[in-house]
C-alpha atoms as a PDB file:
ATOM      1  CA  MET A   1     -21.678  -8.895  -0.912  1.00  0.00           C
ATOM      2  CA  ALA A   2     -20.032 -10.928  -3.488  1.00  0.00           C
ATOM      3  CA  ASP A   3     -17.462 -13.633  -2.489  1.00  0.00           C
ATOM      4  CA  LEU A   4     -13.969 -12.416  -3.442  1.00  0.00           C
ATOM      5  CA  SER A   5     -12.086 -15.543  -2.220  1.00  0.00           C
ATOM      6  CA  VAL A   6      -9.949 -17.616  -4.756  1.00  0.00           C
ATOM      7  CA  ASN A   7      -7.754 -20.577  -4.575  1.00  0.00           C
ATOM      8  CA  ILE A   8      -4.393 -20.753  -6.195  1.00  0.00           C
ATOM      9  CA  ALA A   9      -2.525 -23.936  -6.437  1.00  0.00           C
ATOM     10  CA  GLY A  10      -4.382 -25.176  -3.357  1.00  0.00           C
ATOM     11  CA  VAL A  11      -3.859 -21.886  -1.200  1.00  0.00           C
ATOM     12  CA  PRO A  12      -6.792 -20.012  -0.300  1.00  0.00           C
ATOM     13  CA  PHE A  13      -6.787 -16.266  -0.453  1.00  0.00           C
ATOM     14  CA  LYS A  14      -9.631 -14.106   0.988  1.00  0.00           C
ATOM     15  CA  ASN A  15      -9.581 -11.942  -2.060  1.00  0.00           C
ATOM     16  CA  PRO A  16      -7.536 -11.925  -5.484  1.00  0.00           C
ATOM     17  CA  ILE A  17      -5.541  -8.862  -4.672  1.00  0.00           C
ATOM     18  CA  ILE A  18      -1.743  -9.359  -4.078  1.00  0.00           C
ATOM     19  CA  THR A  19       0.781  -6.671  -3.760  1.00  0.00           C
ATOM     20  CA  ALA A  20       3.428  -7.254  -6.379  1.00  0.00           C
ATOM     21  CA  SER A  21       7.166  -8.001  -5.412  1.00  0.00           C
ATOM     22  CA  GLY A  22       9.479  -5.079  -5.111  1.00  0.00           C
ATOM     23  CA  CYS A  23       6.594  -2.503  -4.578  1.00  0.00           C
ATOM     24  CA  PHE A  24       5.471  -3.374  -1.216  1.00  0.00           C
ATOM     25  CA  GLY A  25       8.774  -4.280   0.498  1.00  0.00           C
ATOM     26  CA  PHE A  26       7.902  -6.542   3.585  1.00  0.00           C
ATOM     27  CA  GLY A  27       4.820  -4.585   4.346  1.00  0.00           C
ATOM     28  CA  LYS A  28       5.974  -2.723   7.412  1.00  0.00           C
ATOM     29  CA  GLU A  29       5.626   0.755   5.876  1.00  0.00           C
ATOM     30  CA  TYR A  30       2.332   0.111   4.472  1.00  0.00           C
ATOM     31  CA  GLU A  31       0.808  -1.424   7.756  1.00  0.00           C
ATOM     32  CA  LYS A  32       1.111   2.065   9.161  1.00  0.00           C
ATOM     33  CA  LEU A  33      -1.772   2.857   6.694  1.00  0.00           C
ATOM     34  CA  TYR A  34      -4.033  -0.192   7.089  1.00  0.00           C
ATOM     35  CA  PRO A  35      -3.865  -3.820   8.367  1.00  0.00           C
ATOM     36  CA  LEU A  36      -2.079  -6.295   6.027  1.00  0.00           C
ATOM     37  CA  SER A  37      -4.931  -8.701   6.654  1.00  0.00           C
ATOM     38  CA  LYS A  38      -7.087  -6.671   4.117  1.00  0.00           C
ATOM     39  CA  LEU A  39      -5.061  -8.008   1.377  1.00  0.00           C
ATOM     40  CA  GLY A  40      -5.361 -11.364  -0.417  1.00  0.00           C
ATOM     41  CA  GLY A  41      -1.660 -11.811  -0.259  1.00  0.00           C
ATOM     42  CA  ILE A  42       1.773 -10.196  -0.296  1.00  0.00           C
ATOM     43  CA  SER A  43       4.620 -11.127  -2.852  1.00  0.00           C
ATOM     44  CA  LEU A  44       7.448  -9.938  -0.734  1.00  0.00           C
ATOM     45  CA  LYS A  45      10.543  -8.290  -1.952  1.00  0.00           C
ATOM     46  CA  GLY A  46      12.706 -10.292  -4.104  1.00  0.00           C
ATOM     47  CA  THR A  47      15.235 -12.058  -2.022  1.00  0.00           C
ATOM     48  CA  THR A  48      18.583 -13.584  -2.850  1.00  0.00           C
ATOM     49  CA  LEU A  49      20.926 -16.166  -1.222  1.00  0.00           C
ATOM     50  CA  GLU A  50      23.283 -13.350   0.029  1.00  0.00           C
ATOM     51  CA  GLU A  51      22.582  -9.610   0.819  1.00  0.00           C
ATOM     52  CA  ARG A  52      22.443  -7.446  -2.449  1.00  0.00           C
ATOM     53  CA  ALA A  53      23.101  -3.664  -2.399  1.00  0.00           C
ATOM     54  CA  GLY A  54      21.427  -3.449  -5.938  1.00  0.00           C
ATOM     55  CA  ASN A  55      22.279  -1.201  -8.807  1.00  0.00           C
ATOM     56  CA  PRO A  56      23.929   2.203  -8.578  1.00  0.00           C
ATOM     57  CA  ALA A  57      21.879   5.269  -8.414  1.00  0.00           C
ATOM     58  CA  PRO A  58      20.191   6.797 -10.314  1.00  0.00           C
ATOM     59  CA  ARG A  59      17.850   3.679 -10.657  1.00  0.00           C
ATOM     60  CA  ILE A  60      14.362   5.128 -10.960  1.00  0.00           C
ATOM     61  CA  ALA A  61      13.001   7.407 -13.543  1.00  0.00           C
ATOM     62  CA  GLU A  62       9.458   8.473 -14.640  1.00  0.00           C
ATOM     63  CA  THR A  63       8.089   7.849 -18.146  1.00  0.00           C
ATOM     64  CA  PRO A  64       4.781   8.811 -19.678  1.00  0.00           C
ATOM     65  CA  ALA A  65       2.056   6.707 -17.990  1.00  0.00           C
ATOM     66  CA  GLY A  66       4.716   4.532 -16.139  1.00  0.00           C
ATOM     67  CA  MET A  67       8.271   4.325 -14.614  1.00  0.00           C
ATOM     68  CA  LEU A  68      11.606   2.710 -15.279  1.00  0.00           C
ATOM     69  CA  ASN A  69      13.462   0.935 -12.506  1.00  0.00           C
ATOM     70  CA  SER A  70      16.757  -0.679 -12.261  1.00  0.00           C
ATOM     71  CA  VAL A  71      16.901  -1.244  -8.482  1.00  0.00           C
ATOM     72  CA  GLY A  72      18.695  -4.586  -9.020  1.00  0.00           C
ATOM     73  CA  LEU A  73      17.236  -6.842  -6.370  1.00  0.00           C
ATOM     74  CA  GLN A  74      18.405  -4.937  -3.314  1.00  0.00           C
ATOM     75  CA  ASN A  75      17.648  -7.037  -0.380  1.00  0.00           C
ATOM     76  CA  PRO A  76      19.133  -8.227   2.829  1.00  0.00           C
ATOM     77  CA  GLY A  77      19.419 -11.936   1.886  1.00  0.00           C
ATOM     78  CA  ILE A  78      17.494 -15.020   2.788  1.00  0.00           C
ATOM     79  CA  ASP A  79      18.898 -15.620   6.279  1.00  0.00           C
ATOM     80  CA  HIS A  80      18.072 -12.044   7.428  1.00  0.00           C
ATOM     81  CA  PHE A  81      14.693 -12.335   5.961  1.00  0.00           C
ATOM     82  CA  LEU A  82      13.950 -15.612   7.571  1.00  0.00           C
ATOM     83  CA  LYS A  83      15.171 -14.370  10.924  1.00  0.00           C
ATOM     84  CA  TYR A  84      13.866 -10.933  11.269  1.00  0.00           C
ATOM     85  CA  ASP A  85      11.284 -10.071   8.578  1.00  0.00           C
ATOM     86  CA  LEU A  86       9.152 -13.358   8.321  1.00  0.00           C
ATOM     87  CA  PRO A  87       8.524 -13.608  12.058  1.00  0.00           C
ATOM     88  CA  TYR A  88       6.985 -10.114  11.888  1.00  0.00           C
ATOM     89  CA  LEU A  89       4.704 -11.097   9.005  1.00  0.00           C
ATOM     90  CA  LYS A  90       3.655 -14.511   9.786  1.00  0.00           C
ATOM     91  CA  ASP A  91       0.647 -13.530  12.081  1.00  0.00           C
ATOM     92  CA  LYS A  92      -0.630 -10.878   9.753  1.00  0.00           C
ATOM     93  CA  ASP A  93      -3.435 -13.085   8.324  1.00  0.00           C
ATOM     94  CA  THR A  94      -2.576 -12.757   4.697  1.00  0.00           C
ATOM     95  CA  VAL A  95      -0.940 -15.086   2.205  1.00  0.00           C
ATOM     96  CA  LEU A  96       2.814 -14.690   2.225  1.00  0.00           C
ATOM     97  CA  ILE A  97       4.616 -15.339  -0.959  1.00  0.00           C
ATOM     98  CA  ALA A  98       8.353 -15.319  -0.997  1.00  0.00           C
ATOM     99  CA  ASN A  99       9.728 -14.066  -4.157  1.00  0.00           C
ATOM    100  CA  ILE A 100      13.172 -15.610  -4.876  1.00  0.00           C
ATOM    101  CA  ALA A 101      16.023 -14.952  -7.292  1.00  0.00           C
ATOM    102  CA  GLY A 102      19.741 -15.866  -7.884  1.00  0.00           C
ATOM    103  CA  HIS A 103      22.968 -15.741  -9.817  1.00  0.00           C
ATOM    104  CA  SER A 104      22.718 -19.398 -10.478  1.00  0.00           C
ATOM    105  CA  VAL A 105      20.715 -22.533 -10.356  1.00  0.00           C
ATOM    106  CA  GLU A 106      22.228 -23.616  -7.175  1.00  0.00           C
ATOM    107  CA  ASP A 107      21.737 -20.153  -5.608  1.00  0.00           C
ATOM    108  CA  TYR A 108      17.879 -20.483  -6.553  1.00  0.00           C
ATOM    109  CA  CYS A 109      17.774 -23.957  -5.232  1.00  0.00           C
ATOM    110  CA  GLU A 110      19.277 -23.098  -1.823  1.00  0.00           C
ATOM    111  CA  VAL A 111      16.998 -20.083  -1.280  1.00  0.00           C
ATOM    112  CA  ALA A 112      13.969 -22.352  -2.377  1.00  0.00           C
ATOM    113  CA  GLU A 113      15.082 -24.857   0.210  1.00  0.00           C
ATOM    114  CA  LYS A 114      15.545 -22.435   2.986  1.00  0.00           C
ATOM    115  CA  VAL A 115      12.044 -20.944   2.478  1.00  0.00           C
ATOM    116  CA  SER A 116      10.526 -24.377   2.359  1.00  0.00           C
ATOM    117  CA  ASP A 117      11.240 -25.028   5.864  1.00  0.00           C
ATOM    118  CA  SER A 118       9.598 -21.637   6.888  1.00  0.00           C
ATOM    119  CA  ASP A 119       6.173 -20.103   7.403  1.00  0.00           C
ATOM    120  CA  ILE A 120       6.137 -18.964   3.835  1.00  0.00           C
ATOM    121  CA  ASP A 121       2.863 -19.934   2.032  1.00  0.00           C
ATOM    122  CA  MET A 122       4.036 -19.864  -1.528  1.00  0.00           C
ATOM    123  CA  VAL A 123       7.257 -19.296  -3.508  1.00  0.00           C
ATOM    124  CA  GLU A 124       7.310 -17.206  -6.571  1.00  0.00           C
ATOM    125  CA  LEU A 125      10.414 -17.796  -8.740  1.00  0.00           C
ATOM    126  CA  ASN A 126      11.737 -14.711 -10.307  1.00  0.00           C
ATOM    127  CA  ILE A 127      13.269 -15.810 -13.568  1.00  0.00           C
ATOM    128  CA  SER A 128      12.539 -12.719 -15.414  1.00  0.00           C
ATOM    129  CA  CYS A 129      14.112  -9.433 -13.842  1.00  0.00           C
ATOM    130  CA  PRO A 130      15.263  -7.384 -16.706  1.00  0.00           C
ATOM    131  CA  ASN A 131      17.675  -5.143 -14.868  1.00  0.00           C
ATOM    132  CA  VAL A 132      19.828  -7.669 -13.168  1.00  0.00           C
ATOM    133  CA  LYS A 133      23.147  -8.244 -15.142  1.00  0.00           C
ATOM    134  CA  SER A 134      23.560 -11.720 -13.841  1.00  0.00           C
ATOM    135  CA  GLY A 135      20.685 -13.997 -13.470  1.00  0.00           C
ATOM    136  CA  GLY A 136      17.141 -13.207 -13.851  1.00  0.00           C
ATOM    137  CA  LEU A 137      16.720 -12.475 -17.484  1.00  0.00           C
ATOM    138  CA  ALA A 138      18.949 -15.335 -18.765  1.00  0.00           C
ATOM    139  CA  PHE A 139      16.733 -17.688 -17.111  1.00  0.00           C
ATOM    140  CA  GLY A 140      13.379 -16.399 -18.398  1.00  0.00           C
ATOM    141  CA  VAL A 141      13.960 -15.871 -22.088  1.00  0.00           C
ATOM    142  CA  SER A 142      14.014 -19.468 -23.534  1.00  0.00           C
ATOM    143  CA  CYS A 143      11.884 -22.530 -23.067  1.00  0.00           C
ATOM    144  CA  GLN A 144      15.086 -24.599 -22.329  1.00  0.00           C
ATOM    145  CA  SER A 145      16.559 -22.368 -19.581  1.00  0.00           C
ATOM    146  CA  ALA A 146      13.283 -21.584 -18.005  1.00  0.00           C
ATOM    147  CA  GLY A 147      12.046 -25.278 -17.836  1.00  0.00           C
ATOM    148  CA  SER A 148      15.647 -26.246 -16.482  1.00  0.00           C
ATOM    149  CA  ILE A 149      15.487 -23.772 -13.472  1.00  0.00           C
ATOM    150  CA  VAL A 150      12.022 -24.632 -12.709  1.00  0.00           C
ATOM    151  CA  LYS A 151      12.881 -28.349 -12.639  1.00  0.00           C
ATOM    152  CA  ALA A 152      15.882 -27.896 -10.289  1.00  0.00           C
ATOM    153  CA  VAL A 153      14.027 -25.538  -7.924  1.00  0.00           C
ATOM    154  CA  ARG A 154      10.914 -27.837  -7.934  1.00  0.00           C
ATOM    155  CA  SER A 155      13.012 -30.858  -6.707  1.00  0.00           C
ATOM    156  CA  ARG A 156      13.949 -28.750  -3.706  1.00  0.00           C
ATOM    157  CA  CYS A 157      10.889 -26.651  -3.070  1.00  0.00           C
ATOM    158  CA  LYS A 158       8.201 -28.017  -0.729  1.00  0.00           C
ATOM    159  CA  LYS A 159       5.844 -24.908  -1.166  1.00  0.00           C
ATOM    160  CA  PRO A 160       3.422 -24.136  -4.045  1.00  0.00           C
ATOM    161  CA  LEU A 161       5.526 -22.875  -6.877  1.00  0.00           C
ATOM    162  CA  ILE A 162       4.700 -19.722  -8.780  1.00  0.00           C
ATOM    163  CA  VAL A 163       7.034 -18.929 -11.887  1.00  0.00           C
ATOM    164  CA  LYS A 164       7.015 -15.236 -12.783  1.00  0.00           C
ATOM    165  CA  LEU A 165       7.282 -14.818 -16.530  1.00  0.00           C
ATOM    166  CA  SER A 166       9.071 -12.299 -18.651  1.00  0.00           C
ATOM    167  CA  PRO A 167       7.311 -10.333 -21.459  1.00  0.00           C
ATOM    168  CA  ASN A 168      10.573  -9.906 -23.291  1.00  0.00           C
ATOM    169  CA  VAL A 169      10.309 -12.973 -25.198  1.00  0.00           C
ATOM    170  CA  THR A 170       9.063 -13.977 -28.683  1.00  0.00           C
ATOM    171  CA  ASP A 171       6.292 -16.284 -27.601  1.00  0.00           C
ATOM    172  CA  ILE A 172       5.401 -16.301 -23.846  1.00  0.00           C
ATOM    173  CA  THR A 173       2.875 -19.163 -24.232  1.00  0.00           C
ATOM    174  CA  GLU A 174       5.831 -21.381 -25.164  1.00  0.00           C
ATOM    175  CA  ILE A 175       7.624 -20.433 -22.086  1.00  0.00           C
ATOM    176  CA  ALA A 176       4.608 -20.876 -19.827  1.00  0.00           C
ATOM    177  CA  ARG A 177       4.122 -24.514 -21.172  1.00  0.00           C
ATOM    178  CA  ALA A 178       7.669 -25.260 -20.466  1.00  0.00           C
ATOM    179  CA  VAL A 179       7.388 -24.288 -16.680  1.00  0.00           C
ATOM    180  CA  GLU A 180       4.168 -26.077 -16.324  1.00  0.00           C
ATOM    181  CA  ALA A 181       5.789 -29.167 -17.664  1.00  0.00           C
ATOM    182  CA  GLU A 182       8.566 -28.971 -15.239  1.00  0.00           C
ATOM    183  CA  GLY A 183       6.253 -28.551 -12.192  1.00  0.00           C
ATOM    184  CA  ALA A 184       5.139 -25.016 -11.896  1.00  0.00           C
ATOM    185  CA  ASP A 185       1.980 -24.786  -9.835  1.00  0.00           C
ATOM    186  CA  SER A 186       1.155 -21.407 -11.157  1.00  0.00           C
ATOM    187  CA  VAL A 187       2.446 -18.499 -13.337  1.00  0.00           C
ATOM    188  CA  SER A 188       2.508 -14.922 -12.662  1.00  0.00           C
ATOM    189  CA  LEU A 189       2.908 -12.401 -15.572  1.00  0.00           C
ATOM    190  CA  ILE A 190       3.902  -9.890 -16.800  1.00  0.00           C
ATOM    191  CA  ASN A 191       7.259  -8.879 -15.183  1.00  0.00           C
ATOM    192  CA  THR A 192       8.513  -5.365 -16.464  1.00  0.00           C
ATOM    193  CA  LEU A 193       9.307  -4.793 -20.090  1.00  0.00           C
ATOM    194  CA  LEU A 194      12.909  -3.813 -20.982  1.00  0.00           C
ATOM    195  CA  GLY A 195      13.149   0.043 -21.558  1.00  0.00           C
ATOM    196  CA  MET A 196      15.418   2.967 -21.783  1.00  0.00           C
ATOM    197  CA  ARG A 197      15.357   6.862 -21.556  1.00  0.00           C
ATOM    198  CA  ILE A 198      18.289   9.189 -22.423  1.00  0.00           C
ATOM    199  CA  ASP A 199      19.116  12.698 -21.065  1.00  0.00           C
ATOM    200  CA  ILE A 200      19.510  14.585 -24.130  1.00  0.00           C
ATOM    201  CA  GLN A 201      21.634  17.229 -22.578  1.00  0.00           C
ATOM    202  CA  THR A 202      24.335  14.788 -21.189  1.00  0.00           C
ATOM    203  CA  ARG A 203      23.665  12.227 -23.891  1.00  0.00           C
ATOM    204  CA  ARG A 204      23.821   9.638 -21.264  1.00  0.00           C
ATOM    205  CA  PRO A 205      21.102   7.088 -20.252  1.00  0.00           C
ATOM    206  CA  VAL A 206      18.897   8.511 -17.420  1.00  0.00           C
ATOM    207  CA  LEU A 207      19.562   5.164 -15.434  1.00  0.00           C
ATOM    208  CA  LYS A 208      22.901   4.198 -14.350  1.00  0.00           C
ATOM    209  CA  ASN A 209      22.324   0.721 -15.381  1.00  0.00           C
ATOM    210  CA  ASN A 210      21.634   1.947 -18.885  1.00  0.00           C
ATOM    211  CA  VAL A 211      18.367   0.005 -19.081  1.00  0.00           C
ATOM    212  CA  GLY A 212      15.390  -0.763 -16.793  1.00  0.00           C
ATOM    213  CA  GLY A 213      12.222  -2.274 -16.369  1.00  0.00           C
ATOM    214  CA  LEU A 214       8.957  -0.525 -17.500  1.00  0.00           C
ATOM    215  CA  SER A 215       5.948  -0.838 -15.482  1.00  0.00           C
ATOM    216  CA  GLY A 216       2.748   1.231 -14.649  1.00  0.00           C
ATOM    217  CA  PRO A 217      -0.475   1.872 -16.846  1.00  0.00           C
ATOM    218  CA  ALA A 218       1.493   2.139 -20.059  1.00  0.00           C
ATOM    219  CA  VAL A 219       2.124  -1.804 -20.056  1.00  0.00           C
ATOM    220  CA  PHE A 220      -1.473  -2.602 -19.194  1.00  0.00           C
ATOM    221  CA  PRO A 221      -2.659  -3.576 -22.619  1.00  0.00           C
ATOM    222  CA  VAL A 222       0.479  -5.824 -23.295  1.00  0.00           C
ATOM    223  CA  ALA A 223      -0.203  -7.583 -20.096  1.00  0.00           C
ATOM    224  CA  VAL A 224      -3.799  -8.390 -20.725  1.00  0.00           C
ATOM    225  CA  ARG A 225      -3.016  -9.686 -24.035  1.00  0.00           C
ATOM    226  CA  MET A 226      -0.148 -12.023 -22.726  1.00  0.00           C
ATOM    227  CA  VAL A 227      -2.522 -13.147 -19.796  1.00  0.00           C
ATOM    228  CA  TRP A 228      -5.139 -13.984 -22.295  1.00  0.00           C
ATOM    229  CA  GLN A 229      -2.719 -16.050 -24.277  1.00  0.00           C
ATOM    230  CA  VAL A 230      -1.324 -17.834 -21.453  1.00  0.00           C
ATOM    231  CA  LYS A 231      -4.616 -18.736 -20.092  1.00  0.00           C
ATOM    232  CA  GLN A 232      -5.527 -20.538 -23.175  1.00  0.00           C
ATOM    233  CA  ALA A 233      -1.964 -22.277 -23.323  1.00  0.00           C
ATOM    234  CA  VAL A 234      -1.724 -23.856 -19.669  1.00  0.00           C
ATOM    235  CA  GLY A 235      -3.908 -25.643 -17.280  1.00  0.00           C
ATOM    236  CA  ILE A 236      -2.545 -24.128 -14.076  1.00  0.00           C
ATOM    237  CA  PRO A 237      -3.679 -20.917 -12.315  1.00  0.00           C
ATOM    238  CA  VAL A 238      -2.499 -17.668 -13.807  1.00  0.00           C
ATOM    239  CA  ILE A 239      -1.923 -14.607 -11.818  1.00  0.00           C
ATOM    240  CA  GLY A 240      -2.070 -11.260 -13.895  1.00  0.00           C
ATOM    241  CA  MET A 241      -0.179  -8.208 -13.118  1.00  0.00           C
ATOM    242  CA  GLY A 242       1.266  -5.308 -15.106  1.00  0.00           C
ATOM    243  CA  GLY A 243      -0.282  -1.602 -15.081  1.00  0.00           C
ATOM    244  CA  ILE A 244      -3.353  -2.417 -12.832  1.00  0.00           C
ATOM    245  CA  ALA A 245      -4.363   0.690 -11.132  1.00  0.00           C
ATOM    246  CA  THR A 246      -8.158   0.645 -10.774  1.00  0.00           C
ATOM    247  CA  TRP A 247     -10.798  -1.987 -10.003  1.00  0.00           C
ATOM    248  CA  LYS A 248     -11.963  -1.774 -13.668  1.00  0.00           C
ATOM    249  CA  ASP A 249      -8.298  -2.932 -14.553  1.00  0.00           C
ATOM    250  CA  ALA A 250      -8.602  -5.798 -12.210  1.00  0.00           C
ATOM    251  CA  VAL A 251     -11.878  -7.077 -13.677  1.00  0.00           C
ATOM    252  CA  GLU A 252     -10.506  -6.601 -17.066  1.00  0.00           C
ATOM    253  CA  MET A 253      -7.368  -8.710 -16.153  1.00  0.00           C
ATOM    254  CA  MET A 254      -9.474 -11.420 -14.573  1.00  0.00           C
ATOM    255  CA  MET A 255     -11.773 -11.403 -17.603  1.00  0.00           C
ATOM    256  CA  ALA A 256      -8.580 -12.058 -19.743  1.00  0.00           C
ATOM    257  CA  GLY A 257      -7.941 -15.001 -17.706  1.00  0.00           C
ATOM    258  CA  ALA A 258      -6.156 -14.203 -14.355  1.00  0.00           C
ATOM    259  CA  ASP A 259      -7.288 -16.021 -11.367  1.00  0.00           C
ATOM    260  CA  ALA A 260      -5.702 -13.556  -9.157  1.00  0.00           C
ATOM    261  CA  ILE A 261      -4.047 -10.162  -9.905  1.00  0.00           C
ATOM    262  CA  GLN A 262      -1.003  -8.257  -8.454  1.00  0.00           C
ATOM    263  CA  ILE A 263      -0.677  -4.727  -7.915  1.00  0.00           C
ATOM    264  CA  GLY A 264       2.598  -2.987  -8.174  1.00  0.00           C
ATOM    265  CA  ALA A 265       3.626   0.425  -9.632  1.00  0.00           C
ATOM    266  CA  ALA A 266       0.179   2.030  -8.755  1.00  0.00           C
ATOM    267  CA  LEU A 267       1.116   1.741  -5.086  1.00  0.00           C
ATOM    268  CA  PHE A 268       3.735   4.464  -5.403  1.00  0.00           C
ATOM    269  CA  SER A 269       1.128   6.981  -6.505  1.00  0.00           C
ATOM    270  CA  ASP A 270      -1.644   5.735  -4.151  1.00  0.00           C
ATOM    271  CA  ALA A 271      -0.865   3.310  -1.401  1.00  0.00           C
ATOM    272  CA  TYR A 272      -4.619   2.637  -1.007  1.00  0.00           C
ATOM    273  CA  THR A 273      -5.005   1.259  -4.453  1.00  0.00           C
ATOM    274  CA  PRO A 274      -5.450  -2.566  -3.096  1.00  0.00           C
ATOM    275  CA  LEU A 275      -8.346  -1.494  -0.862  1.00  0.00           C
ATOM    276  CA  LYS A 276     -10.001   0.641  -3.461  1.00  0.00           C
ATOM    277  CA  VAL A 277      -9.660  -2.041  -6.128  1.00  0.00           C
ATOM    278  CA  ALA A 278     -11.304  -4.688  -3.601  1.00  0.00           C
ATOM    279  CA  GLU A 279     -14.093  -2.217  -2.820  1.00  0.00           C
ATOM    280  CA  GLY A 280     -14.818  -1.402  -6.457  1.00  0.00           C
ATOM    281  CA  MET A 281     -14.504  -4.835  -7.593  1.00  0.00           C
ATOM    282  CA  ASN A 282     -17.159  -5.938  -4.969  1.00  0.00           C
ATOM    283  CA  ALA A 283     -19.505  -3.236  -5.754  1.00  0.00           C
ATOM    284  CA  TRP A 284     -19.426  -4.047  -9.517  1.00  0.00           C
ATOM    285  CA  LEU A 285     -19.929  -7.736  -8.930  1.00  0.00           C
ATOM    286  CA  ASP A 286     -22.899  -7.074  -6.741  1.00  0.00           C
ATOM    287  CA  GLU A 287     -24.370  -4.606  -9.306  1.00  0.00           C
ATOM    288  CA  GLN A 288     -23.892  -7.362 -12.000  1.00  0.00           C
ATOM    289  CA  GLY A 289     -25.509  -9.973  -9.682  1.00  0.00           C
ATOM    290  CA  ILE A 290     -22.417 -12.107  -9.786  1.00  0.00           C
ATOM    291  CA  ARG A 291     -21.935 -14.005  -6.558  1.00  0.00           C
ATOM    292  CA  HIS A 292     -18.290 -15.173  -6.847  1.00  0.00           C
ATOM    293  CA  VAL A 293     -15.326 -13.480  -8.404  1.00  0.00           C
ATOM    294  CA  SER A 294     -14.171 -16.769  -9.884  1.00  0.00           C
ATOM    295  CA  GLU A 295     -17.201 -16.560 -12.284  1.00  0.00           C
ATOM    296  CA  ILE A 296     -15.621 -13.644 -14.335  1.00  0.00           C
ATOM    297  CA  VAL A 297     -12.280 -15.384 -14.982  1.00  0.00           C
ATOM    298  CA  GLY A 298     -11.569 -15.909 -18.681  1.00  0.00           C
ATOM    299  CA  GLN A 299     -14.970 -14.608 -19.605  1.00  0.00           C
ATOM    300  CA  VAL A 300     -13.908 -12.480 -22.399  1.00  0.00           C
ATOM    301  CA  LYS A 301     -15.649 -13.225 -25.619  1.00  0.00           C
ATOM    302  CA  PRO A 302     -13.175 -12.673 -28.760  1.00  0.00           C
ATOM    303  CA  TRP A 303     -14.693 -11.696 -31.918  1.00  0.00           C
END
């Protein structure tokens, strides 16, 4: 069988398949279905300094080939996570990635400092959540703000730092270069695209927050394009996500330039998607006579 192991910013993964933040919680529910050790890694539920109740319902809506969400980073807060959730996870034999967010630079820094002294393997800095009214989006949409938040967190974070990028920008490559310059060890992309649905009977938005993040197969071509562009712009590892639902999608994303991939919305329709992707990818690599998955990274041949 082909070797699926990858290395991201000095952290070894047994395979390139990571479950995306917000779609896998802290893993407990999915562990009823299969061992978490089968995953390359888990990007854990976005965590803030204080507990957050999230946005009011309705906050989920279906769309053609996707979904909108405005959950709003509901989470128990960093102290609860470190005391109750991380101890449960630390012996599951998979890479644990803390996804962190905040209202302010200092909030981000405090959370980063707390997780730096824990058993977390990596930190994913969420500067790009499109459905949080304070924080998130504001930090991820300009080179100056993205660079400044990364610089501040980098000074307090002892763990390898992944920066999650927003697609809701004019030029994602410029944002990627800015965060790399300020100390990002890796970038992950794309976060959800900002979207909206309207109930024509009530004439109100379907989501109580009015807008939300679009994910699922509908965003996949956009994600592939942005990963391809960013791979050519930076020298740090790229983690690709956005609409990956099959092993073919995963191979395509890696050919575009992703060193590893994250699976999110697909988990809601098929919880076994990560396992099926790993199995299918391995079979295809063997069929192609490719010994190591890293051989396909960035191998697209533009016309």
